[in-house]
Amino acid sequence: MYPFFRLAKELWRVRTAQPLGLLQTHVSRHICWPWDLDLWAELNNGRTLTIFDLGRVPLGRRNGMHRALAANGWGAAVAGNTVRYRRRVRAFDRIEMHSRCIGWDHRFFYIEQSMWLGTECSSHMIVRSAITSKDGIVSPARVLEAMGVGNESPVLPDWVQGWIAAEAARPWPPAR
């Protein structure tokens, strides 16, 4: 089940937080609860993606993205991601999550997120996010205009550009 109460708690926490610039980092803290675990008593890989939502949604609230989406009747959707898992997260471990937008192209925003156990990174993810309307994908330029923000993206890191290129070369739909 989706952690609606945890999301509500995160949104409640940031209601009075300082606004962030579009490229600034939102830091949040989370606990791995027993219901987040898999059969091996560690944070389930799918639940990891869900917990990353608990960082992205408040990031959008703090950087003004949510205001622009609400004003225009737009939504946000994950259009792809790549995750690297490196350290086990166990029940009751305390996680510090860092979430930030690192840039955009003509269709998508790219958000970098990482989970930390003390000084060790347990997982790292890049999310490709699309802003959507009833007419399809809304260009980042249009979203940034609605936010009142300049629209020149920072140069995306080479490894992110490599992932974007690999995704563009990937056949769709896949073979059956």
N, C-alpha and C. Protein backbone atom coordinates (compact mmCIF):
# COMPACT_ATOMS: atom_id res chain seq x y z
N MET A 1 0.83 -1.18 0.00
CA MET A 1 0.00 0.00 0.00
C MET A 1 0.88 1.25 0.00
N TYR A 2 0.44 2.27 -0.72
CA TYR A 2 1.20 3.51 -0.80
C TYR A 2 1.21 4.20 0.57
N PRO A 3 2.33 4.76 0.98
CA PRO A 3 2.44 5.36 2.32
C PRO A 3 1.88 6.79 2.37
N PHE A 4 0.55 6.90 2.21
CA PHE A 4 -0.09 8.21 2.19
C PHE A 4 0.15 8.99 3.47
N PHE A 5 0.12 8.32 4.61
CA PHE A 5 0.31 9.03 5.88
C PHE A 5 1.75 9.55 5.99
N ARG A 6 2.70 8.77 5.52
CA ARG A 6 4.09 9.23 5.55
C ARG A 6 4.27 10.42 4.61
N LEU A 7 3.62 10.38 3.46
CA LEU A 7 3.71 11.51 2.53
C LEU A 7 3.07 12.75 3.14
N ALA A 8 1.91 12.58 3.77
CA ALA A 8 1.25 13.71 4.43
C ALA A 8 2.15 14.29 5.51
N LYS A 9 2.83 13.43 6.25
CA LYS A 9 3.75 13.89 7.30
C LYS A 9 4.89 14.71 6.68
N GLU A 10 5.44 14.24 5.56
CA GLU A 10 6.53 14.98 4.90
C GLU A 10 6.05 16.33 4.40
N LEU A 11 4.85 16.37 3.83
CA LEU A 11 4.32 17.65 3.35
C LEU A 11 4.01 18.58 4.51
N TRP A 12 3.57 18.03 5.63
CA TRP A 12 3.33 18.84 6.83
C TRP A 12 4.65 19.43 7.33
N ARG A 13 5.68 18.64 7.32
CA ARG A 13 6.99 19.10 7.80
C ARG A 13 7.54 20.26 6.98
N VAL A 14 7.30 20.25 5.67
CA VAL A 14 7.89 21.30 4.83
C VAL A 14 6.99 22.52 4.66
N ARG A 15 5.83 22.51 5.29
CA ARG A 15 4.88 23.61 5.08
C ARG A 15 5.47 24.96 5.48
N THR A 16 6.38 24.99 6.45
CA THR A 16 7.00 26.24 6.88
C THR A 16 8.49 26.29 6.55
N ALA A 17 8.97 25.33 5.80
CA ALA A 17 10.40 25.31 5.44
C ALA A 17 10.71 26.42 4.45
N GLN A 18 11.95 26.85 4.45
CA GLN A 18 12.39 27.86 3.50
C GLN A 18 12.19 27.36 2.08
N PRO A 19 11.73 28.22 1.17
CA PRO A 19 11.63 27.80 -0.23
C PRO A 19 13.03 27.47 -0.77
N LEU A 20 13.05 26.60 -1.77
CA LEU A 20 14.31 26.23 -2.42
C LEU A 20 14.30 26.74 -3.85
N GLY A 21 15.48 27.02 -4.36
CA GLY A 21 15.62 27.29 -5.78
C GLY A 21 15.43 25.98 -6.53
N LEU A 22 15.17 26.07 -7.82
CA LEU A 22 14.89 24.89 -8.62
C LEU A 22 15.98 23.83 -8.52
N LEU A 23 17.25 24.25 -8.40
CA LEU A 23 18.37 23.30 -8.41
C LEU A 23 18.93 23.02 -7.02
N GLN A 24 18.27 23.49 -6.00
CA GLN A 24 18.75 23.24 -4.64
C GLN A 24 18.29 21.88 -4.12
N THR A 25 18.94 21.42 -3.07
CA THR A 25 18.70 20.08 -2.51
C THR A 25 17.75 20.12 -1.33
N HIS A 26 16.77 19.23 -1.37
CA HIS A 26 15.87 19.00 -0.24
C HIS A 26 16.42 17.79 0.52
N VAL A 27 16.61 17.94 1.82
CA VAL A 27 17.09 16.84 2.66
C VAL A 27 15.95 16.41 3.58
N SER A 28 15.70 15.11 3.61
CA SER A 28 14.65 14.57 4.47
C SER A 28 15.18 13.33 5.18
N ARG A 29 14.52 13.00 6.27
CA ARG A 29 14.94 11.84 7.07
C ARG A 29 13.77 10.88 7.20
N HIS A 30 14.10 9.59 7.11
CA HIS A 30 13.08 8.56 7.09
C HIS A 30 13.55 7.36 7.91
N ILE A 31 12.61 6.52 8.29
CA ILE A 31 12.92 5.28 9.01
C ILE A 31 12.43 4.12 8.15
N CYS A 32 13.24 3.08 8.08
CA CYS A 32 12.82 1.86 7.39
C CYS A 32 11.99 1.05 8.39
N TRP A 33 10.70 0.97 8.13
CA TRP A 33 9.79 0.26 9.02
C TRP A 33 9.69 -1.22 8.62
N PRO A 34 9.26 -2.07 9.52
CA PRO A 34 9.16 -3.51 9.20
C PRO A 34 8.32 -3.79 7.95
N TRP A 35 7.30 -2.99 7.68
CA TRP A 35 6.45 -3.23 6.50
C TRP A 35 7.12 -2.77 5.21
N ASP A 36 8.33 -2.19 5.31
CA ASP A 36 9.11 -1.81 4.12
C ASP A 36 10.05 -2.93 3.69
N LEU A 37 10.10 -4.01 4.45
CA LEU A 37 11.10 -5.05 4.24
C LEU A 37 10.65 -6.12 3.24
N ASP A 38 11.64 -6.79 2.67
CA ASP A 38 11.37 -7.93 1.80
C ASP A 38 11.65 -9.22 2.56
N LEU A 39 11.68 -10.35 1.85
CA LEU A 39 11.90 -11.64 2.50
C LEU A 39 13.27 -11.78 3.14
N TRP A 40 14.22 -10.93 2.76
CA TRP A 40 15.58 -11.00 3.29
C TRP A 40 15.80 -9.97 4.39
N ALA A 41 14.71 -9.43 4.91
CA ALA A 41 14.73 -8.48 6.04
C ALA A 41 15.52 -7.22 5.72
N GLU A 42 15.40 -6.76 4.48
CA GLU A 42 16.01 -5.49 4.11
C GLU A 42 15.00 -4.70 3.28
N LEU A 43 15.28 -3.41 3.12
CA LEU A 43 14.37 -2.54 2.39
C LEU A 43 14.12 -3.10 1.00
N ASN A 44 12.85 -3.35 0.69
CA ASN A 44 12.43 -3.89 -0.59
C ASN A 44 12.78 -2.92 -1.71
N ASN A 45 13.26 -3.44 -2.84
CA ASN A 45 13.68 -2.56 -3.93
C ASN A 45 12.53 -1.71 -4.47
N GLY A 46 11.33 -2.27 -4.55
CA GLY A 46 10.19 -1.49 -5.00
C GLY A 46 9.80 -0.43 -3.97
N ARG A 47 9.90 -0.79 -2.72
CA ARG A 47 9.57 0.17 -1.65
C ARG A 47 10.59 1.31 -1.64
N THR A 48 11.84 1.01 -2.03
CA THR A 48 12.86 2.06 -2.14
C THR A 48 12.36 3.14 -3.09
N LEU A 49 11.82 2.73 -4.24
CA LEU A 49 11.30 3.70 -5.20
C LEU A 49 10.18 4.53 -4.60
N THR A 50 9.31 3.88 -3.82
CA THR A 50 8.21 4.58 -3.19
C THR A 50 8.72 5.56 -2.15
N ILE A 51 9.72 5.16 -1.38
CA ILE A 51 10.27 6.06 -0.36
C ILE A 51 10.96 7.24 -1.05
N PHE A 52 11.55 7.03 -2.21
CA PHE A 52 12.12 8.17 -2.94
C PHE A 52 11.04 9.19 -3.27
N ASP A 53 9.79 8.75 -3.47
CA ASP A 53 8.67 9.70 -3.67
C ASP A 53 8.58 10.67 -2.49
N LEU A 54 8.86 10.16 -1.29
CA LEU A 54 8.74 10.98 -0.08
C LEU A 54 9.77 12.10 -0.04
N GLY A 55 10.74 12.06 -0.93
CA GLY A 55 11.68 13.16 -1.08
C GLY A 55 11.33 14.06 -2.26
N ARG A 56 10.87 13.45 -3.36
CA ARG A 56 10.56 14.24 -4.56
C ARG A 56 9.35 15.14 -4.39
N VAL A 57 8.30 14.64 -3.77
CA VAL A 57 7.08 15.43 -3.64
C VAL A 57 7.33 16.69 -2.79
N PRO A 58 7.96 16.58 -1.61
CA PRO A 58 8.26 17.79 -0.86
C PRO A 58 9.26 18.72 -1.59
N LEU A 59 10.17 18.14 -2.36
CA LEU A 59 11.07 18.97 -3.17
C LEU A 59 10.24 19.87 -4.09
N GLY A 60 9.26 19.28 -4.77
CA GLY A 60 8.40 20.05 -5.66
C GLY A 60 7.59 21.11 -4.93
N ARG A 61 7.22 20.82 -3.72
CA ARG A 61 6.49 21.81 -2.90
C ARG A 61 7.41 22.97 -2.57
N ARG A 62 8.64 22.66 -2.17
CA ARG A 62 9.56 23.71 -1.73
C ARG A 62 10.13 24.54 -2.88
N ASN A 63 10.29 23.95 -4.07
CA ASN A 63 10.89 24.73 -5.16
C ASN A 63 9.85 25.41 -6.05
N GLY A 64 8.58 25.28 -5.72
CA GLY A 64 7.53 25.98 -6.45
C GLY A 64 6.91 25.21 -7.60
N MET A 65 7.42 24.03 -7.89
CA MET A 65 6.89 23.24 -9.00
C MET A 65 5.41 22.91 -8.78
N HIS A 66 5.04 22.52 -7.55
CA HIS A 66 3.66 22.13 -7.28
C HIS A 66 2.68 23.28 -7.52
N ARG A 67 3.11 24.49 -7.18
CA ARG A 67 2.25 25.65 -7.39
C ARG A 67 1.94 25.83 -8.88
N ALA A 68 2.98 25.70 -9.72
CA ALA A 68 2.80 25.84 -11.17
C ALA A 68 1.92 24.72 -11.71
N LEU A 69 2.10 23.49 -11.21
CA LEU A 69 1.28 22.38 -11.67
C LEU A 69 -0.19 22.61 -11.30
N ALA A 70 -0.43 22.99 -10.06
CA ALA A 70 -1.81 23.20 -9.60
C ALA A 70 -2.48 24.35 -10.37
N ALA A 71 -1.75 25.42 -10.62
CA ALA A 71 -2.32 26.58 -11.31
C ALA A 71 -2.71 26.26 -12.74
N ASN A 72 -2.05 25.27 -13.34
CA ASN A 72 -2.29 24.95 -14.75
C ASN A 72 -3.03 23.63 -14.96
N GLY A 73 -3.37 22.95 -13.88
CA GLY A 73 -4.05 21.66 -14.01
C GLY A 73 -3.14 20.57 -14.56
N TRP A 74 -1.84 20.69 -14.31
CA TRP A 74 -0.87 19.70 -14.79
C TRP A 74 -0.61 18.66 -13.72
N GLY A 75 -0.03 17.55 -14.13
CA GLY A 75 0.39 16.51 -13.20
C GLY A 75 1.86 16.18 -13.46
N ALA A 76 2.39 15.31 -12.66
CA ALA A 76 3.78 14.86 -12.83
C ALA A 76 3.79 13.34 -12.89
N ALA A 77 4.61 12.80 -13.76
CA ALA A 77 4.71 11.34 -13.91
C ALA A 77 6.17 10.94 -14.05
N VAL A 78 6.49 9.80 -13.50
CA VAL A 78 7.83 9.23 -13.70
C VAL A 78 7.84 8.63 -15.10
N ALA A 79 8.79 9.07 -15.91
CA ALA A 79 8.91 8.58 -17.29
C ALA A 79 10.09 7.63 -17.44
N GLY A 80 10.80 7.39 -16.37
CA GLY A 80 11.92 6.46 -16.38
C GLY A 80 12.81 6.71 -15.17
N ASN A 81 13.59 5.71 -14.83
CA ASN A 81 14.56 5.90 -13.75
C ASN A 81 15.64 4.85 -13.87
N THR A 82 16.75 5.14 -13.22
CA THR A 82 17.81 4.16 -13.07
C THR A 82 18.29 4.26 -11.62
N VAL A 83 18.43 3.09 -11.00
CA VAL A 83 18.78 3.04 -9.58
C VAL A 83 20.02 2.18 -9.40
N ARG A 84 20.88 2.61 -8.52
CA ARG A 84 22.03 1.81 -8.11
C ARG A 84 21.86 1.53 -6.61
N TYR A 85 21.79 0.24 -6.26
CA TYR A 85 21.68 -0.18 -4.86
C TYR A 85 23.06 -0.64 -4.40
N ARG A 86 23.52 -0.14 -3.25
CA ARG A 86 24.86 -0.51 -2.80
C ARG A 86 24.96 -0.98 -1.35
N ARG A 87 24.08 -0.54 -0.48
CA ARG A 87 24.15 -0.94 0.93
C ARG A 87 22.77 -1.38 1.39
N ARG A 88 22.76 -2.42 2.22
CA ARG A 88 21.49 -2.92 2.75
C ARG A 88 20.92 -1.92 3.75
N VAL A 89 19.61 -1.76 3.69
CA VAL A 89 18.89 -0.96 4.67
C VAL A 89 18.00 -1.93 5.42
N ARG A 90 18.13 -1.96 6.73
CA ARG A 90 17.41 -2.92 7.58
C ARG A 90 16.33 -2.21 8.39
N ALA A 91 15.49 -3.01 9.03
CA ALA A 91 14.41 -2.46 9.86
C ALA A 91 14.97 -1.46 10.87
N PHE A 92 14.29 -0.36 10.98
CA PHE A 92 14.56 0.73 11.93
C PHE A 92 15.82 1.53 11.60
N ASP A 93 16.47 1.23 10.47
CA ASP A 93 17.58 2.09 10.04
C ASP A 93 17.04 3.47 9.75
N ARG A 94 17.83 4.47 10.09
CA ARG A 94 17.47 5.86 9.80
C ARG A 94 18.19 6.28 8.52
N ILE A 95 17.41 6.79 7.59
CA ILE A 95 17.90 7.14 6.26
C ILE A 95 17.85 8.66 6.12
N GLU A 96 18.91 9.22 5.57
CA GLU A 96 18.86 10.62 5.16
C GLU A 96 18.80 10.64 3.64
N MET A 97 17.81 11.34 3.10
CA MET A 97 17.63 11.37 1.65
C MET A 97 17.92 12.77 1.13
N HIS A 98 18.63 12.80 0.01
CA HIS A 98 18.91 14.06 -0.68
C HIS A 98 18.22 14.01 -2.04
N SER A 99 17.45 15.05 -2.36
CA SER A 99 16.69 15.11 -3.60
C SER A 99 16.92 16.46 -4.26
N ARG A 100 17.26 16.45 -5.55
CA ARG A 100 17.46 17.72 -6.26
C ARG A 100 17.26 17.54 -7.75
N CYS A 101 16.77 18.59 -8.38
CA CYS A 101 16.67 18.62 -9.83
C CYS A 101 18.06 18.96 -10.35
N ILE A 102 18.54 18.18 -11.33
CA ILE A 102 19.88 18.44 -11.87
C ILE A 102 19.84 19.02 -13.27
N GLY A 103 18.65 19.10 -13.87
CA GLY A 103 18.54 19.69 -15.19
C GLY A 103 17.35 19.17 -15.96
N TRP A 104 17.28 19.52 -17.23
CA TRP A 104 16.15 19.14 -18.07
C TRP A 104 16.57 19.18 -19.52
N ASP A 105 15.74 18.58 -20.35
CA ASP A 105 15.93 18.67 -21.80
C ASP A 105 14.62 19.18 -22.39
N HIS A 106 14.35 18.93 -23.64
CA HIS A 106 13.15 19.47 -24.27
C HIS A 106 11.86 18.80 -23.80
N ARG A 107 11.96 17.63 -23.12
CA ARG A 107 10.75 16.91 -22.68
C ARG A 107 10.67 16.63 -21.19
N PHE A 108 11.81 16.41 -20.55
CA PHE A 108 11.80 15.88 -19.19
C PHE A 108 12.68 16.68 -18.23
N PHE A 109 12.31 16.57 -16.95
CA PHE A 109 13.16 17.03 -15.86
C PHE A 109 13.91 15.82 -15.32
N TYR A 110 15.15 16.02 -14.86
CA TYR A 110 15.96 14.94 -14.31
C TYR A 110 16.25 15.26 -12.84
N ILE A 111 15.87 14.32 -11.98
CA ILE A 111 16.00 14.51 -10.54
C ILE A 111 16.93 13.44 -10.00
N GLU A 112 17.90 13.89 -9.23
CA GLU A 112 18.86 12.99 -8.60
C GLU A 112 18.47 12.82 -7.14
N GLN A 113 18.46 11.57 -6.69
CA GLN A 113 18.14 11.28 -5.30
C GLN A 113 19.10 10.24 -4.74
N SER A 114 19.42 10.39 -3.48
CA SER A 114 20.28 9.40 -2.83
C SER A 114 19.80 9.18 -1.40
N MET A 115 19.99 7.94 -0.92
CA MET A 115 19.68 7.58 0.46
C MET A 115 21.00 7.28 1.16
N TRP A 116 21.13 7.80 2.37
CA TRP A 116 22.38 7.67 3.12
C TRP A 116 22.12 7.02 4.47
N LEU A 117 23.01 6.10 4.83
CA LEU A 117 23.06 5.52 6.17
C LEU A 117 24.34 6.08 6.79
N GLY A 118 24.20 7.12 7.56
CA GLY A 118 25.38 7.81 8.08
C GLY A 118 26.15 8.41 6.92
N THR A 119 27.40 8.00 6.76
CA THR A 119 28.24 8.55 5.69
C THR A 119 28.28 7.67 4.45
N GLU A 120 27.53 6.55 4.47
CA GLU A 120 27.53 5.64 3.32
C GLU A 120 26.25 5.76 2.52
N CYS A 121 26.40 5.85 1.21
CA CYS A 121 25.25 5.92 0.32
C CYS A 121 24.71 4.50 0.12
N SER A 122 23.43 4.30 0.41
CA SER A 122 22.83 2.98 0.24
C SER A 122 22.24 2.81 -1.15
N SER A 123 21.71 3.89 -1.73
CA SER A 123 21.16 3.81 -3.08
C SER A 123 21.16 5.20 -3.70
N HIS A 124 21.18 5.19 -5.03
CA HIS A 124 21.25 6.44 -5.79
C HIS A 124 20.37 6.27 -7.02
N MET A 125 19.58 7.31 -7.33
CA MET A 125 18.64 7.19 -8.44
C MET A 125 18.59 8.48 -9.24
N ILE A 126 18.41 8.32 -10.53
CA ILE A 126 18.04 9.42 -11.41
C ILE A 126 16.63 9.12 -11.91
N VAL A 127 15.76 10.10 -11.78
CA VAL A 127 14.38 9.98 -12.26
C VAL A 127 14.20 10.95 -13.42
N ARG A 128 13.60 10.44 -14.47
CA ARG A 128 13.18 11.29 -15.59
C ARG A 128 11.70 11.55 -15.36
N SER A 129 11.35 12.81 -15.16
CA SER A 129 9.98 13.16 -14.81
C SER A 129 9.35 14.00 -15.91
N ALA A 130 8.13 13.63 -16.27
CA ALA A 130 7.37 14.38 -17.27
C ALA A 130 6.27 15.16 -16.57
N ILE A 131 6.08 16.39 -16.99
CA ILE A 131 4.93 17.15 -16.54
C ILE A 131 3.86 16.94 -17.61
N THR A 132 2.67 16.60 -17.17
CA THR A 132 1.64 16.18 -18.11
C THR A 132 0.40 17.08 -18.02
N SER A 133 -0.30 17.15 -19.14
CA SER A 133 -1.59 17.83 -19.21
C SER A 133 -2.54 16.91 -19.95
N LYS A 134 -3.76 17.32 -20.12
CA LYS A 134 -4.72 16.50 -20.88
C LYS A 134 -4.28 16.36 -22.34
N ASP A 135 -3.39 17.25 -22.80
CA ASP A 135 -2.90 17.21 -24.17
C ASP A 135 -1.58 16.46 -24.32
N GLY A 136 -1.04 15.93 -23.22
CA GLY A 136 0.22 15.20 -23.30
C GLY A 136 1.30 15.86 -22.45
N ILE A 137 2.55 15.66 -22.83
CA ILE A 137 3.69 16.17 -22.07
C ILE A 137 3.81 17.68 -22.28
N VAL A 138 4.02 18.38 -21.17
CA VAL A 138 4.24 19.83 -21.18
C VAL A 138 5.76 20.04 -21.19
N SER A 139 6.24 20.88 -22.08
CA SER A 139 7.69 21.09 -22.18
C SER A 139 8.21 21.75 -20.91
N PRO A 140 9.43 21.37 -20.50
CA PRO A 140 10.03 22.04 -19.35
C PRO A 140 10.10 23.57 -19.52
N ALA A 141 10.32 24.05 -20.75
CA ALA A 141 10.36 25.49 -20.98
C ALA A 141 9.05 26.15 -20.55
N ARG A 142 7.94 25.51 -20.88
CA ARG A 142 6.63 26.05 -20.51
C ARG A 142 6.42 25.98 -18.99
N VAL A 143 6.87 24.89 -18.38
CA VAL A 143 6.74 24.75 -16.92
C VAL A 143 7.58 25.81 -16.22
N LEU A 144 8.81 26.00 -16.68
CA LEU A 144 9.69 26.98 -16.06
C LEU A 144 9.14 28.40 -16.22
N GLU A 145 8.52 28.67 -17.35
CA GLU A 145 7.88 29.97 -17.56
C GLU A 145 6.76 30.16 -16.54
N ALA A 146 5.97 29.11 -16.31
CA ALA A 146 4.88 29.18 -15.33
C ALA A 146 5.43 29.36 -13.91
N MET A 147 6.63 28.86 -13.67
CA MET A 147 7.26 29.01 -12.36
C MET A 147 7.97 30.36 -12.22
N GLY A 148 8.14 31.07 -13.34
CA GLY A 148 8.88 32.34 -13.30
C GLY A 148 10.37 32.14 -13.13
N VAL A 149 10.87 31.05 -13.71
CA VAL A 149 12.28 30.69 -13.58
C VAL A 149 12.91 30.68 -14.97
N GLY A 150 14.20 31.03 -15.07
CA GLY A 150 14.90 30.94 -16.34
C GLY A 150 14.88 29.53 -16.87
N ASN A 151 15.03 29.37 -18.18
CA ASN A 151 14.86 28.02 -18.73
C ASN A 151 16.11 27.39 -19.31
N GLU A 152 17.29 27.88 -18.96
CA GLU A 152 18.51 27.23 -19.44
C GLU A 152 18.95 26.18 -18.42
N SER A 153 19.00 24.94 -18.89
CA SER A 153 19.38 23.84 -18.01
C SER A 153 20.89 23.83 -17.79
N PRO A 154 21.30 23.44 -16.58
CA PRO A 154 22.72 23.13 -16.40
C PRO A 154 23.06 21.94 -17.30
N VAL A 155 24.32 21.81 -17.65
CA VAL A 155 24.74 20.66 -18.46
C VAL A 155 24.58 19.41 -17.60
N LEU A 156 23.86 18.44 -18.13
CA LEU A 156 23.69 17.18 -17.41
C LEU A 156 25.00 16.42 -17.41
N PRO A 157 25.32 15.72 -16.32
CA PRO A 157 26.57 14.94 -16.27
C PRO A 157 26.63 13.94 -17.42
N ASP A 158 27.85 13.61 -17.85
CA ASP A 158 28.04 12.69 -18.97
C ASP A 158 27.32 11.36 -18.75
N TRP A 159 27.37 10.82 -17.54
CA TRP A 159 26.75 9.53 -17.29
C TRP A 159 25.23 9.61 -17.39
N VAL A 160 24.64 10.78 -17.08
CA VAL A 160 23.19 10.96 -17.25
C VAL A 160 22.88 11.06 -18.74
N GLN A 161 23.70 11.81 -19.47
CA GLN A 161 23.50 11.90 -20.92
C GLN A 161 23.65 10.53 -21.58
N GLY A 162 24.57 9.71 -21.08
CA GLY A 162 24.73 8.35 -21.58
C GLY A 162 23.48 7.51 -21.34
N TRP A 163 22.88 7.66 -20.16
CA TRP A 163 21.65 6.94 -19.85
C TRP A 163 20.52 7.40 -20.76
N ILE A 164 20.41 8.70 -20.99
CA ILE A 164 19.37 9.24 -21.88
C ILE A 164 19.56 8.66 -23.28
N ALA A 165 20.80 8.61 -23.76
CA ALA A 165 21.08 8.06 -25.10
C ALA A 165 20.73 6.57 -25.15
N ALA A 166 21.07 5.84 -24.09
CA ALA A 166 20.76 4.41 -24.06
C ALA A 166 19.25 4.19 -24.07
N GLU A 167 18.51 5.00 -23.35
CA GLU A 167 17.06 4.88 -23.34
C GLU A 167 16.47 5.21 -24.71
N ALA A 168 17.05 6.18 -25.41
CA ALA A 168 16.56 6.54 -26.75
C ALA A 168 16.79 5.41 -27.74
N ALA A 169 17.87 4.62 -27.54
CA ALA A 169 18.18 3.51 -28.44
C ALA A 169 17.42 2.23 -28.10
N ARG A 170 16.82 2.21 -26.94
CA ARG A 170 16.10 1.02 -26.47
C ARG A 170 14.82 0.84 -27.30
N PRO A 171 14.60 -0.36 -27.82
CA PRO A 171 13.39 -0.55 -28.64
C PRO A 171 12.10 -0.42 -27.82
N TRP A 172 11.11 0.20 -28.45
CA TRP A 172 9.80 0.29 -27.83
C TRP A 172 8.75 0.15 -28.89
N PRO A 173 7.77 -0.68 -28.69
CA PRO A 173 7.60 -1.57 -27.54
C PRO A 173 8.60 -2.71 -27.60
N PRO A 174 8.83 -3.35 -26.46
CA PRO A 174 9.75 -4.48 -26.43
C PRO A 174 9.18 -5.67 -27.19
N ALA A 175 10.04 -6.57 -27.58
CA ALA A 175 9.58 -7.80 -28.24
C ALA A 175 8.84 -8.65 -27.22
N ARG A 176 7.86 -9.41 -27.71
CA ARG A 176 7.13 -10.30 -26.81
C ARG A 176 7.84 -11.59 -26.63
